[in-house]
Protein backbone atom coordinates (compact mmCIF):
# COMPACT_ATOMS: atom_id res chain seq x y z
CA UNK A 1 18.71 -4.82 24.53
CA UNK A 2 16.37 -4.14 21.70
CA UNK A 3 15.48 -7.08 19.53
CA UNK A 4 16.06 -4.66 16.01
CA UNK A 5 19.50 -3.67 17.60
CA UNK A 6 20.51 -7.01 18.24
CA UNK A 7 19.97 -8.56 15.27
CA UNK A 8 21.35 -5.72 13.54
CA UNK A 9 17.82 -5.13 11.39
CA UNK A 10 18.26 -1.75 9.44
CA UNK A 11 14.39 -0.74 10.15
CA UNK A 12 12.82 1.93 8.13
CA UNK A 13 9.97 2.47 9.55
CA UNK A 14 8.51 5.22 8.39
CA UNK A 15 5.65 5.91 10.22
CA UNK A 16 4.03 8.59 7.93
CA UNK A 17 4.96 6.72 4.62
CA UNK A 18 7.37 9.80 3.33
CA UNK A 19 10.82 10.59 2.22
CA UNK A 20 10.72 6.46 1.26
CA UNK A 21 12.17 4.57 -1.75
CA UNK A 22 9.50 4.48 -4.69
CA UNK A 23 11.06 1.99 -6.93
CA UNK A 24 10.39 -1.73 -6.77
CA UNK A 25 13.43 -3.65 -6.91
CA UNK A 26 11.41 -6.65 -8.19
CA UNK A 27 10.57 -5.06 -11.63
CA UNK A 28 14.20 -3.52 -11.97
CA UNK A 29 15.49 -7.33 -11.14
CA UNK A 30 13.27 -9.55 -12.89
CA UNK A 31 14.94 -11.68 -16.07
CA UNK A 32 13.38 -14.32 -17.99
CA UNK A 33 14.72 -17.71 -16.89
CA UNK A 34 16.34 -16.47 -13.27
CA UNK A 35 15.83 -18.48 -9.92
CA UNK A 36 14.03 -16.35 -7.53
CA UNK A 37 13.43 -16.65 -3.70
CA UNK A 38 10.01 -18.56 -3.31
CA UNK A 39 8.17 -16.32 -0.93
CA UNK A 40 4.42 -16.67 0.96
CA UNK A 41 3.20 -15.01 4.01
CA UNK A 42 0.23 -14.40 6.22
CA UNK A 43 -0.79 -11.74 8.16
CA UNK A 44 -2.04 -11.68 11.79
CA UNK A 45 -5.27 -9.47 10.98
CA UNK A 46 -6.78 -7.69 7.90
CA UNK A 47 -7.92 -4.90 10.49
CA UNK A 48 -5.55 -2.56 12.46
CA UNK A 49 -5.85 0.63 14.15
CA UNK A 50 -3.92 3.31 12.04
CA UNK A 51 -0.64 4.13 14.18
CA UNK A 52 -0.43 0.64 15.34
CA UNK A 53 1.46 -2.48 13.93
CA UNK A 54 0.65 -5.31 11.34
CA UNK A 55 1.72 -8.82 12.93
CA UNK A 56 2.65 -11.16 10.02
CA UNK A 57 4.48 -14.98 9.40
CA UNK A 58 6.89 -14.58 6.44
CA UNK A 59 8.21 -17.84 4.58
CA UNK A 60 11.06 -18.14 1.73
CA UNK A 61 13.65 -19.98 0.48
CA UNK A 62 15.86 -20.24 -2.58
CA UNK A 63 16.91 -23.16 -4.85
CA UNK A 64 19.47 -21.38 -6.05
CA UNK A 65 22.99 -22.56 -4.76
CA UNK A 66 24.93 -19.95 -5.87
CA UNK A 67 23.49 -17.51 -3.76
CA UNK A 68 21.97 -16.89 -0.44
CA UNK A 69 19.26 -15.07 1.70
CA UNK A 70 19.76 -11.12 2.48
CA UNK A 71 16.90 -9.50 3.73
CA UNK A 72 13.57 -9.28 2.86
CA UNK A 73 11.06 -6.05 3.17
CA UNK A 74 7.17 -5.11 3.64
CA UNK A 75 6.23 -2.57 1.04
CA UNK A 76 2.56 -0.71 1.18
CA UNK A 77 0.40 0.84 -1.40
CA UNK A 78 -2.35 3.46 0.33
CA UNK A 79 -5.81 3.78 -1.03
CA UNK A 80 -8.65 6.25 0.16
CA UNK A 81 -12.19 5.88 0.02
CA UNK A 82 -14.47 8.24 0.38
CA UNK A 83 -17.89 8.94 0.92
CA UNK A 84 -20.00 12.11 1.09
CA UNK A 85 -24.29 12.22 1.71
CA UNK A 86 -26.89 14.64 2.52
CA UNK A 87 -30.59 14.01 3.12
CA UNK A 88 -33.76 15.68 2.77
CA UNK A 89 -35.62 16.52 5.88
CA UNK A 90 -38.04 19.25 4.77
CA UNK A 91 -40.09 17.48 2.99
CA UNK A 92 -43.09 15.16 4.49
CA UNK A 93 -43.07 12.57 1.53
CA UNK A 94 -40.48 13.21 -0.84
CA UNK A 95 -37.38 11.11 0.16
CA UNK A 96 -33.88 12.32 -1.17
CA UNK A 97 -30.00 11.29 -0.79
CA UNK A 98 -27.36 12.90 -2.88
CA UNK A 99 -24.67 10.48 -2.51
CA UNK A 100 -20.79 11.28 -3.82
CA UNK A 101 -18.19 8.41 -3.24
CA UNK A 102 -14.80 8.15 -4.64
CA UNK A 103 -11.75 5.82 -4.70
CA UNK A 104 -8.04 6.21 -5.47
CA UNK A 105 -4.27 5.67 -4.22
CA UNK A 106 -3.20 8.33 -2.13
CA UNK A 107 0.38 6.78 -2.13
CA UNK A 108 2.01 4.51 -4.54
CA UNK A 109 3.68 1.07 -3.30
CA UNK A 110 6.90 1.97 -0.93
CA UNK A 111 9.40 0.33 0.93
CA UNK A 112 8.14 0.09 4.69
CA UNK A 113 10.54 -1.80 6.47
CA UNK A 114 13.23 -4.28 5.91
CA UNK A 115 14.49 -7.03 8.23
CA UNK A 116 18.03 -8.53 7.79
CA UNK A 117 17.93 -12.54 7.29
CA UNK A 118 19.27 -13.26 10.85
CA UNK A 119 15.80 -12.51 12.21
CA UNK A 120 14.13 -15.78 10.06
CA UNK A 121 14.35 -19.20 11.51
CA UNK A 122 14.96 -22.31 9.78
CA UNK A 123 11.86 -24.95 10.17
CA UNK A 124 13.49 -27.64 8.30
CA UNK A 125 12.88 -26.85 4.57
CA UNK A 126 11.83 -23.06 4.63
CA UNK A 127 12.55 -19.89 6.45
CA UNK A 128 9.98 -18.48 8.72
CA UNK A 129 10.10 -14.66 9.65
CA UNK A 130 7.64 -13.60 12.69
CA UNK A 131 7.68 -9.77 12.92
CA UNK A 132 5.47 -6.74 12.30
CA UNK A 133 5.70 -3.46 10.14
CA UNK A 134 4.29 -0.11 11.13
CA UNK A 135 1.28 2.08 9.87
CA UNK A 136 0.79 5.79 9.83
CA UNK A 137 -1.35 7.41 12.61
CA UNK A 138 -2.07 9.91 9.79
CA UNK A 139 -4.59 7.20 7.79
CA UNK A 140 -6.78 7.60 10.49
CA UNK A 141 -10.25 7.13 9.52
CA UNK A 142 -12.80 10.07 9.43
CA UNK A 143 -16.33 10.15 10.23
CA UNK A 144 -18.75 13.22 10.37
CA UNK A 145 -22.15 12.12 10.92
CA UNK A 146 -25.50 14.25 11.74
CA UNK A 147 -24.20 17.15 13.61
CA UNK A 148 -26.06 19.00 15.55
CA UNK A 149 -24.30 22.02 14.32
CA UNK A 150 -23.74 22.81 10.58
CA UNK A 151 -19.70 23.24 10.18
CA UNK A 152 -19.37 25.08 6.85
CA UNK A 153 -15.94 24.98 6.84
CA UNK A 154 -15.84 21.31 7.83
CA UNK A 155 -18.59 20.58 4.67
CA UNK A 156 -16.88 22.44 1.93
CA UNK A 157 -13.57 20.48 3.34
CA UNK A 158 -15.32 16.95 2.64
CA UNK A 159 -17.76 17.77 -0.11
CA UNK A 160 -17.33 18.71 -3.28
CA UNK A 161 -17.75 22.45 -4.25
CA UNK A 162 -20.80 21.46 -6.42
CA UNK A 163 -22.84 18.97 -4.13
CA UNK A 164 -24.74 22.33 -2.62
CA UNK A 165 -25.90 23.38 -5.65
CA UNK A 166 -26.54 20.15 -7.02
CA UNK A 167 -28.54 19.16 -4.46
CA UNK A 168 -30.92 22.31 -4.04
CA UNK A 169 -31.43 21.99 -7.68
CA UNK A 170 -32.80 18.30 -7.46
CA UNK A 171 -35.18 18.99 -5.16
CA UNK A 172 -36.56 21.80 -5.98
CA UNK A 173 -36.76 20.36 -9.61
CA UNK A 174 -38.81 17.34 -7.55
CA UNK A 175 -41.27 19.66 -6.04
CA UNK A 176 -42.16 22.18 -8.87
CA UNK A 177 -41.52 19.93 -12.26
CA UNK A 178 -45.17 18.75 -12.02
CA UNK A 179 -47.81 17.91 -9.87
CA UNK A 180 -45.95 14.50 -8.69
CA UNK A 181 -44.98 16.18 -5.00
CA UNK A 182 -47.57 18.39 -4.99
CA UNK A 183 -48.71 17.81 -1.47
CA UNK A 184 -44.23 18.16 -0.40
CA UNK A 185 -44.66 21.35 -2.17
CA UNK A 186 -47.54 22.62 0.14
CA UNK A 187 -46.24 21.01 2.95
CA UNK A 188 -42.94 23.23 2.18
CA UNK A 189 -44.91 26.41 2.22
CA UNK A 190 -46.64 26.07 5.05
CA UNK A 191 -43.96 24.98 7.26
CA UNK A 192 -40.90 27.05 6.22
CA UNK A 193 -40.24 30.39 7.88
CA UNK A 194 -40.16 32.56 4.70
CA UNK A 195 -40.72 36.37 5.15
CA UNK A 196 -43.03 38.09 4.17
CA UNK A 197 -40.63 40.17 1.91
CA UNK A 198 -39.73 37.58 0.13
CA UNK A 199 -43.22 36.71 -0.75
CA UNK A 200 -43.60 40.27 -2.15
CA UNK A 201 -40.27 40.42 -3.81
CA UNK A 202 -40.82 37.08 -5.92
CA UNK A 203 -44.54 37.83 -6.67
CA UNK A 204 -43.81 41.23 -8.34
CA UNK A 205 -40.41 39.43 -10.02
CA UNK A 206 -43.07 36.87 -11.65
CA UNK A 207 -46.09 39.15 -12.48
CA UNK A 208 -48.54 37.41 -9.62
CA UNK A 209 -50.62 38.07 -6.94
CA UNK A 210 -49.70 36.28 -3.72
CA UNK A 211 -50.52 36.67 0.06
CA UNK A 212 -47.58 37.74 2.31
CA UNK A 213 -48.61 35.60 5.74
CA UNK A 214 -46.42 34.15 6.95
CA UNK A 215 -48.06 32.06 10.10
CA UNK A 216 -48.06 28.44 9.34
CA UNK A 217 -52.00 27.87 10.29
CA UNK A 218 -52.65 30.81 8.07
CA UNK A 219 -50.56 29.81 5.35
CA UNK A 220 -52.69 26.79 5.56
CA UNK A 221 -55.90 28.25 5.34
CA UNK A 222 -55.21 30.03 2.32
CA UNK A 223 -54.17 26.80 0.50
CA UNK A 224 -57.21 25.39 0.52
CA UNK A 225 -59.53 23.36 -1.85
CA UNK A 226 -63.12 22.97 -1.37
CA UNK A 227 -64.97 19.73 -3.71
CA UNK A 228 -68.20 20.71 -2.92
CA UNK A 229 -68.33 23.60 -5.01
CA UNK A 230 -68.17 23.45 -8.63
CA UNK A 231 -66.60 26.28 -10.24
CA UNK A 232 -66.29 25.89 -13.85
CA UNK A 233 -64.85 22.72 -16.36
CA UNK A 234 -62.40 21.81 -18.34
CA UNK A 235 -61.40 19.44 -21.19
CA UNK A 236 -58.34 17.92 -22.74
CA UNK A 237 -56.57 18.13 -26.00
CA UNK A 238 -53.41 16.35 -26.74
CA UNK A 239 -51.15 17.07 -29.51
CA UNK A 240 -49.04 15.06 -31.86
CA UNK A 241 -46.14 14.33 -29.49
CA UNK A 242 -49.22 13.05 -27.06
CA UNK A 243 -48.83 16.30 -24.64
CA UNK A 244 -52.25 16.97 -22.95
CA UNK A 245 -53.23 20.30 -22.55
CA UNK A 246 -56.29 21.33 -20.25
CA UNK A 247 -58.89 24.06 -21.30
CA UNK A 248 -61.25 25.46 -18.65
CA UNK A 249 -64.29 26.77 -20.01
CA UNK A 250 -67.57 28.43 -17.40
CA UNK A 251 -69.88 25.71 -18.26
CA UNK A 252 -70.41 22.52 -20.11
CA UNK A 253 -72.06 23.97 -23.11
CA UNK A 254 -69.10 25.26 -24.12
CA UNK A 255 -67.08 21.80 -23.86
CA UNK A 256 -66.72 20.98 -27.70
CA UNK A 257 -68.58 18.11 -28.90
CA UNK A 258 -65.68 15.99 -29.71
CA UNK A 259 -64.25 16.16 -25.84
CA UNK A 260 -65.49 15.01 -22.49
CA UNK A 261 -65.67 17.66 -20.32
CA UNK A 262 -65.02 17.88 -16.24
CA UNK A 263 -65.29 19.39 -13.10
CA UNK A 264 -63.06 21.91 -11.90
CA UNK A 265 -63.47 22.84 -7.96
CA UNK A 266 -63.09 25.86 -5.84
CA UNK A 267 -59.32 26.29 -4.63
CA UNK A 268 -56.79 28.66 -4.06
CA UNK A 269 -55.76 30.64 -7.43
CA UNK A 270 -52.46 28.91 -7.76
CA UNK A 271 -54.41 25.78 -7.75
CA UNK A 272 -56.18 23.93 -10.35
CA UNK A 273 -58.51 21.30 -8.58
CA UNK A 274 -60.38 18.93 -10.80
CA UNK A 275 -61.85 15.74 -11.69
CA UNK A 276 -60.21 13.28 -13.26
CA UNK A 277 -61.15 10.13 -15.02
CA UNK A 278 -57.93 8.55 -14.70
CA UNK A 279 -58.10 8.67 -10.67
CA UNK A 280 -61.71 8.76 -10.06
CA UNK A 281 -61.36 11.86 -8.25
CA UNK A 282 -59.93 15.20 -7.60
CA UNK A 283 -56.46 15.71 -8.54
CA UNK A 284 -54.32 19.04 -7.91
CA UNK A 285 -51.47 20.55 -9.74
CA UNK A 286 -49.80 24.37 -9.85
CA UNK A 287 -51.38 26.98 -12.06
CA UNK A 288 -48.96 27.57 -14.47
CA UNK A 289 -48.88 31.43 -14.30
CA UNK A 290 -47.69 30.80 -10.47
CA UNK A 291 -45.21 27.74 -11.53
CA UNK A 292 -42.12 30.54 -11.97
CA UNK A 293 -43.20 31.91 -8.86
CA UNK A 294 -42.75 28.67 -6.72
CA UNK A 295 -39.84 27.62 -8.11
CA UNK A 296 -38.04 30.79 -6.94
CA UNK A 297 -39.26 30.46 -3.68
CA UNK A 298 -37.91 27.07 -3.31
CA UNK A 299 -34.42 28.77 -4.58
CA UNK A 300 -34.45 30.88 -1.80
CA UNK A 301 -34.23 27.70 0.76
CA UNK A 302 -30.47 27.15 2.35
CA UNK A 303 -29.18 23.70 1.65
CA UNK A 304 -28.77 23.28 5.81
CA UNK A 305 -32.75 24.18 6.15
CA UNK A 306 -33.31 21.49 3.43
CA UNK A 307 -31.48 18.73 5.44
CA UNK A 308 -31.89 19.48 9.29
CA UNK A 309 -33.80 16.98 10.55
CA UNK A 310 -36.25 18.79 13.26
CA UNK A 311 -37.31 15.64 15.26
CA UNK A 312 -33.52 14.66 16.00
CA UNK A 313 -32.23 18.51 16.14
CA UNK A 314 -29.15 17.13 13.77
CA UNK A 315 -28.01 18.03 10.01
CA UNK A 316 -28.57 15.08 7.73
CA UNK A 317 -25.09 15.17 6.64
CA UNK A 318 -22.49 11.47 6.43
CA UNK A 319 -19.17 11.81 5.37
CA UNK A 320 -16.63 8.76 6.14
CA UNK A 321 -13.04 8.86 4.94
CA UNK A 322 -11.05 4.97 5.24
CA UNK A 323 -7.82 4.11 4.31
CA UNK A 324 -6.69 0.42 2.91
CA UNK A 325 -2.97 -0.82 2.97
CA UNK A 326 -1.93 -2.97 0.14
CA UNK A 327 0.95 -4.90 1.45
CA UNK A 328 3.27 -6.75 -0.13
CA UNK A 329 6.12 -9.26 1.19
CA UNK A 330 9.36 -9.43 -0.48
CA UNK A 331 12.54 -11.18 -0.30
CA UNK A 332 16.08 -10.09 -1.82
CA UNK A 333 19.00 -12.47 -2.36
CA UNK A 334 22.68 -11.78 -2.46
CA UNK A 335 22.59 -11.03 -6.07
CA UNK A 336 19.73 -8.69 -5.59
CA UNK A 337 17.26 -10.76 -7.06
CA UNK A 338 13.68 -10.28 -5.59
CA UNK A 339 10.47 -13.05 -5.57
CA UNK A 340 7.43 -11.87 -3.72
CA UNK A 341 4.53 -13.03 -2.26
CA UNK A 342 1.82 -12.84 -5.28
CA UNK A 343 -1.22 -13.25 -3.13
CA UNK A 344 -3.15 -9.88 -2.52
CA UNK A 345 -3.30 -8.95 0.82
CA UNK A 346 -5.14 -5.78 2.52
CA UNK A 347 -5.20 -4.30 5.34
CA UNK A 348 -8.53 -1.81 6.68
CA UNK A 349 -7.32 0.85 8.96
CA UNK A 350 -9.52 2.27 11.99
């Protein structure tokens, strides 16, 4: 015969933790100066597969001779932890990962199961209850990591609505705000499959002339520098805010006497290649007239393409969701007074 039937246990084993009481008898019955049952307990494990039972050993007694123990209870609160991340893969050296995390209580403390006092045994100085309580199969962890196919519906389900736009904006700003990631910008231009129509439209939008070649090797040839050929000179002025501005001139004679002139080298029309005293060699940046063009060009790349890992042929997303139970063990006497174990315990569901 089933143990629970034999003992008369009234099992309120709510596997989904739904439609159960959320009031706390401990708070409702606490009075100053009252004698409560003394309670401790130990869990069989702090990790459990969702849908399985968690074993425990409860220990309790009361010093109030006017009452007896009625029953014991396990209550549990459920917390959820989530992490959603995506990693940039299209660039050569720029590394960027956007991560959003959250942790919240998804179910307040609720009664999971009750145990008749007759289930406990007396060990000479306190009662011991060897029992278990259920967990819900609905709390199975979720993991979506580096899929071979990008599932937009799944992404929208797991990630914040603004995640894609914020990711793209950050990457584009890294590439176009200054010359820090000049080589990455060139790498993306040469290797990404832009169309001739995109080059034409964006050139017209920004009032510049830009080649419409789409083959990688041709684009690589078009973006060039030639340090053997000096085509001009430049000097820098610094304003009251410490901002430097470069001024190009045809010859050293055109450099004002109070400034130092430096060489400008042959390069693609959108590249400003010049000598720098700071580095002792050539430095590279995008000319101001072409910066809006490249910003708009980079904005044409969809989120999925930024994160595609072409080496492993996967999309670099990582979403995880896990649940944790925070159980409490309570003992109720025949006057309805409640004692409870005070140490916090957790059960990680896997």
